[in-house]
């Protein structure tokens, strides 16, 4: 389900590694107008009063994005310009320790996200789709 990623910080020109378990981690998004900004990845336990109807996670199933618990927040589709992303190795004997596989994205590829704005904050969820895989049954949606 994409437990982390690497992106190029356009202000410092450095590669940044991010992982979902880090509280309040920021990831880059590009909106439909081409605007770039850093937004909080997912909603956390500490945010429960922020948007009560949204799940405490960093992902959304692509088949659920038209359901009322998402649509009432007027979500926006965004691109997440990761250079690569990580998946925890579910079938590895040491799972759930910190072992993950890295998947490189092509220069023309980005992950798809769903951006929710509320209470003065912007929260992005990575869209996932079903996938038969040796790692997970969900996989991030990749846009070319």
C-alpha atoms as a PDB file:
ATOM      1  CA  UNK A   1       0.000   0.000   0.000  1.00  0.00           C
ATOM      2  CA  UNK A   2       2.997   2.329  -0.241  1.00  0.00           C
ATOM      3  CA  UNK A   3       4.527   2.771   3.185  1.00  0.00           C
ATOM      4  CA  UNK A   4       6.972   5.423   1.990  1.00  0.00           C
ATOM      5  CA  UNK A   5       8.483   7.284  -0.890  1.00  0.00           C
ATOM      6  CA  UNK A   6      11.285   9.431  -2.220  1.00  0.00           C
ATOM      7  CA  UNK A   7      10.694  12.837  -3.785  1.00  0.00           C
ATOM      8  CA  UNK A   8      12.814  15.722  -5.011  1.00  0.00           C
ATOM      9  CA  UNK A   9      12.461  18.808  -2.801  1.00  0.00           C
ATOM     10  CA  UNK A  10      12.199  21.615  -5.355  1.00  0.00           C
ATOM     11  CA  UNK A  11      13.409  24.232  -2.858  1.00  0.00           C
ATOM     12  CA  UNK A  12      16.668  22.464  -1.941  1.00  0.00           C
ATOM     13  CA  UNK A  13      17.068  20.130  -4.939  1.00  0.00           C
ATOM     14  CA  UNK A  14      17.646  17.238  -2.496  1.00  0.00           C
ATOM     15  CA  UNK A  15      16.009  13.817  -2.449  1.00  0.00           C
ATOM     16  CA  UNK A  16      13.780  13.367   0.605  1.00  0.00           C
ATOM     17  CA  UNK A  17      12.667  10.004   2.043  1.00  0.00           C
ATOM     18  CA  UNK A  18       9.291   9.879   3.767  1.00  0.00           C
ATOM     19  CA  UNK A  19       7.515   7.053   5.576  1.00  0.00           C
ATOM     20  CA  UNK A  20       3.882   6.991   6.678  1.00  0.00           C
ATOM     21  CA  UNK A  21       4.573   5.915  10.288  1.00  0.00           C
ATOM     22  CA  UNK A  22       6.296   9.275  10.927  1.00  0.00           C
ATOM     23  CA  UNK A  23       3.610  11.494  12.543  1.00  0.00           C
ATOM     24  CA  UNK A  24       2.428  14.474  10.495  1.00  0.00           C
ATOM     25  CA  UNK A  25       4.807  13.722   7.631  1.00  0.00           C
ATOM     26  CA  UNK A  26       4.441  16.033   4.635  1.00  0.00           C
ATOM     27  CA  UNK A  27       4.483  14.852   1.027  1.00  0.00           C
ATOM     28  CA  UNK A  28       4.371  16.865  -2.198  1.00  0.00           C
ATOM     29  CA  UNK A  29       1.230  17.193  -4.276  1.00  0.00           C
ATOM     30  CA  UNK A  30       0.568  18.785  -7.641  1.00  0.00           C
ATOM     31  CA  UNK A  31      -3.003  19.905  -8.275  1.00  0.00           C
ATOM     32  CA  UNK A  32      -4.864  20.006 -11.592  1.00  0.00           C
ATOM     33  CA  UNK A  33      -3.549  23.552 -12.216  1.00  0.00           C
ATOM     34  CA  UNK A  34       0.065  22.468 -11.756  1.00  0.00           C
ATOM     35  CA  UNK A  35       0.501  24.063  -8.315  1.00  0.00           C
ATOM     36  CA  UNK A  36       3.026  22.294  -6.067  1.00  0.00           C
ATOM     37  CA  UNK A  37       2.773  22.182  -2.273  1.00  0.00           C
ATOM     38  CA  UNK A  38       3.536  19.976   0.702  1.00  0.00           C
ATOM     39  CA  UNK A  39       0.529  18.451   2.486  1.00  0.00           C
ATOM     40  CA  UNK A  40       0.057  16.149   5.454  1.00  0.00           C
ATOM     41  CA  UNK A  41      -0.010  12.487   4.440  1.00  0.00           C
ATOM     42  CA  UNK A  42      -3.159  10.984   5.933  1.00  0.00           C
ATOM     43  CA  UNK A  43      -5.147  11.618   9.048  1.00  0.00           C
ATOM     44  CA  UNK A  44      -3.664  10.608  12.401  1.00  0.00           C
ATOM     45  CA  UNK A  45      -5.058   9.653  15.785  1.00  0.00           C
ATOM     46  CA  UNK A  46      -4.329  13.195  16.960  1.00  0.00           C
ATOM     47  CA  UNK A  47      -6.528  14.531  14.130  1.00  0.00           C
ATOM     48  CA  UNK A  48      -9.715  12.639  15.064  1.00  0.00           C
ATOM     49  CA  UNK A  49     -11.588  15.853  15.833  1.00  0.00           C
ATOM     50  CA  UNK A  50     -10.384  17.445  12.614  1.00  0.00           C
ATOM     51  CA  UNK A  51     -12.488  15.430  10.154  1.00  0.00           C
ATOM     52  CA  UNK A  52     -14.312  12.782  12.173  1.00  0.00           C
ATOM     53  CA  UNK A  53     -15.831  11.000   9.193  1.00  0.00           C
ATOM     54  CA  UNK A  54     -12.492  10.285   7.536  1.00  0.00           C
ATOM     55  CA  UNK A  55     -10.440   7.196   8.293  1.00  0.00           C
ATOM     56  CA  UNK A  56      -7.256   7.205  10.357  1.00  0.00           C
ATOM     57  CA  UNK A  57      -4.966   6.129   7.524  1.00  0.00           C
ATOM     58  CA  UNK A  58      -2.940   7.483   4.622  1.00  0.00           C
ATOM     59  CA  UNK A  59      -4.704   5.582   1.835  1.00  0.00           C
ATOM     60  CA  UNK A  60      -8.072   5.369   0.120  1.00  0.00           C
ATOM     61  CA  UNK A  61      -9.443   2.608  -2.054  1.00  0.00           C
ATOM     62  CA  UNK A  62     -10.118   3.883  -5.558  1.00  0.00           C
ATOM     63  CA  UNK A  63     -13.451   2.037  -5.536  1.00  0.00           C
ATOM     64  CA  UNK A  64     -14.611   4.070  -2.492  1.00  0.00           C
ATOM     65  CA  UNK A  65     -13.754   7.641  -3.558  1.00  0.00           C
ATOM     66  CA  UNK A  66     -17.297   8.347  -4.794  1.00  0.00           C
ATOM     67  CA  UNK A  67     -18.879   7.405  -1.459  1.00  0.00           C
ATOM     68  CA  UNK A  68     -20.445  10.114   0.672  1.00  0.00           C
ATOM     69  CA  UNK A  69     -17.811   9.988   3.420  1.00  0.00           C
ATOM     70  CA  UNK A  70     -15.310  11.276   0.834  1.00  0.00           C
ATOM     71  CA  UNK A  71     -17.530  13.376  -1.462  1.00  0.00           C
ATOM     72  CA  UNK A  72     -19.010  15.531   1.306  1.00  0.00           C
ATOM     73  CA  UNK A  73     -15.511  16.932   1.892  1.00  0.00           C
ATOM     74  CA  UNK A  74     -15.222  18.003  -1.770  1.00  0.00           C
ATOM     75  CA  UNK A  75     -11.946  16.163  -2.386  1.00  0.00           C
ATOM     76  CA  UNK A  76      -9.574  17.158  -5.152  1.00  0.00           C
ATOM     77  CA  UNK A  77      -7.596  14.769  -7.311  1.00  0.00           C
ATOM     78  CA  UNK A  78      -3.858  15.422  -7.105  1.00  0.00           C
ATOM     79  CA  UNK A  79      -0.617  13.877  -8.283  1.00  0.00           C
ATOM     80  CA  UNK A  80       2.086  12.799  -5.841  1.00  0.00           C
ATOM     81  CA  UNK A  81       5.442  13.224  -7.602  1.00  0.00           C
ATOM     82  CA  UNK A  82       7.424  10.472  -5.893  1.00  0.00           C
ATOM     83  CA  UNK A  83      10.565   9.271  -7.694  1.00  0.00           C
ATOM     84  CA  UNK A  84       9.983   5.854  -6.112  1.00  0.00           C
ATOM     85  CA  UNK A  85       7.834   4.285  -3.418  1.00  0.00           C
ATOM     86  CA  UNK A  86       8.274   1.546  -0.846  1.00  0.00           C
ATOM     87  CA  UNK A  87       6.115  -1.445   0.042  1.00  0.00           C
ATOM     88  CA  UNK A  88       6.575  -3.390   3.259  1.00  0.00           C
ATOM     89  CA  UNK A  89       7.474  -6.978   2.480  1.00  0.00           C
ATOM     90  CA  UNK A  90       4.449  -8.834   3.843  1.00  0.00           C
ATOM     91  CA  UNK A  91       5.758 -12.325   3.118  1.00  0.00           C
ATOM     92  CA  UNK A  92       9.249 -11.705   4.411  1.00  0.00           C
ATOM     93  CA  UNK A  93      10.044 -13.843   7.486  1.00  0.00           C
ATOM     94  CA  UNK A  94      10.926 -10.737   9.493  1.00  0.00           C
ATOM     95  CA  UNK A  95       7.724  -8.849   8.611  1.00  0.00           C
ATOM     96  CA  UNK A  96       6.551  -6.457  10.065  1.00  0.00           C
ATOM     97  CA  UNK A  97      10.053  -5.199  10.799  1.00  0.00           C
ATOM     98  CA  UNK A  98      11.437  -2.372   8.700  1.00  0.00           C
ATOM     99  CA  UNK A  99      12.168  -4.287   5.489  1.00  0.00           C
ATOM    100  CA  UNK A 100      10.609  -2.873   2.335  1.00  0.00           C
ATOM    101  CA  UNK A 101      10.981  -3.163  -1.423  1.00  0.00           C
ATOM    102  CA  UNK A 102      11.565  -0.024  -3.482  1.00  0.00           C
ATOM    103  CA  UNK A 103       9.724   0.533  -6.769  1.00  0.00           C
ATOM    104  CA  UNK A 104      11.109   3.138  -9.170  1.00  0.00           C
ATOM    105  CA  UNK A 105       8.678   5.332 -11.076  1.00  0.00           C
ATOM    106  CA  UNK A 106       9.348   6.565 -14.590  1.00  0.00           C
ATOM    107  CA  UNK A 107       9.963  10.305 -15.014  1.00  0.00           C
ATOM    108  CA  UNK A 108       6.453  10.654 -16.502  1.00  0.00           C
ATOM    109  CA  UNK A 109       4.711   8.753 -13.660  1.00  0.00           C
ATOM    110  CA  UNK A 110       3.185   9.953 -10.388  1.00  0.00           C
ATOM    111  CA  UNK A 111       1.016   8.395  -7.726  1.00  0.00           C
ATOM    112  CA  UNK A 112      -2.602   9.534  -7.565  1.00  0.00           C
ATOM    113  CA  UNK A 113      -3.906  11.160  -4.421  1.00  0.00           C
ATOM    114  CA  UNK A 114      -7.094  12.558  -2.939  1.00  0.00           C
ATOM    115  CA  UNK A 115      -6.717  15.943  -1.211  1.00  0.00           C
ATOM    116  CA  UNK A 116      -9.095  16.946   1.579  1.00  0.00           C
ATOM    117  CA  UNK A 117      -9.115  20.483   2.996  1.00  0.00           C
ATOM    118  CA  UNK A 118     -10.610  21.197   6.392  1.00  0.00           C
ATOM    119  CA  UNK A 119     -10.010  23.045   9.650  1.00  0.00           C
ATOM    120  CA  UNK A 120      -7.151  24.966   8.060  1.00  0.00           C
ATOM    121  CA  UNK A 121      -5.256  21.838   7.023  1.00  0.00           C
ATOM    122  CA  UNK A 122      -4.694  19.918   3.820  1.00  0.00           C
ATOM    123  CA  UNK A 123      -4.558  16.150   4.057  1.00  0.00           C
ATOM    124  CA  UNK A 124      -3.693  13.853   1.163  1.00  0.00           C
ATOM    125  CA  UNK A 125      -4.578  10.176   0.887  1.00  0.00           C
ATOM    126  CA  UNK A 126      -2.806   7.926  -1.628  1.00  0.00           C
ATOM    127  CA  UNK A 127      -5.287   6.128  -3.894  1.00  0.00           C
ATOM    128  CA  UNK A 128      -4.947   2.347  -4.027  1.00  0.00           C
ATOM    129  CA  UNK A 129      -6.378  -0.328  -6.296  1.00  0.00           C
ATOM    130  CA  UNK A 130      -6.732  -4.099  -5.992  1.00  0.00           C
ATOM    131  CA  UNK A 131      -3.633  -5.992  -7.063  1.00  0.00           C
ATOM    132  CA  UNK A 132      -2.585  -9.589  -6.862  1.00  0.00           C
ATOM    133  CA  UNK A 133       0.952  -9.224  -5.657  1.00  0.00           C
ATOM    134  CA  UNK A 134       3.594 -10.975  -3.643  1.00  0.00           C
ATOM    135  CA  UNK A 135       3.629  -7.974  -1.329  1.00  0.00           C
ATOM    136  CA  UNK A 136       0.062  -6.679  -0.794  1.00  0.00           C
ATOM    137  CA  UNK A 137      -3.445  -7.022  -2.151  1.00  0.00           C
ATOM    138  CA  UNK A 138      -3.552  -3.219  -2.680  1.00  0.00           C
ATOM    139  CA  UNK A 139      -1.205  -1.108  -4.783  1.00  0.00           C
ATOM    140  CA  UNK A 140      -0.925   2.649  -5.323  1.00  0.00           C
ATOM    141  CA  UNK A 141      -2.634   4.011  -8.424  1.00  0.00           C
ATOM    142  CA  UNK A 142       0.069   5.209 -10.832  1.00  0.00           C
ATOM    143  CA  UNK A 143      -0.680   7.917 -13.395  1.00  0.00           C
ATOM    144  CA  UNK A 144       1.365   8.378 -16.564  1.00  0.00           C
END
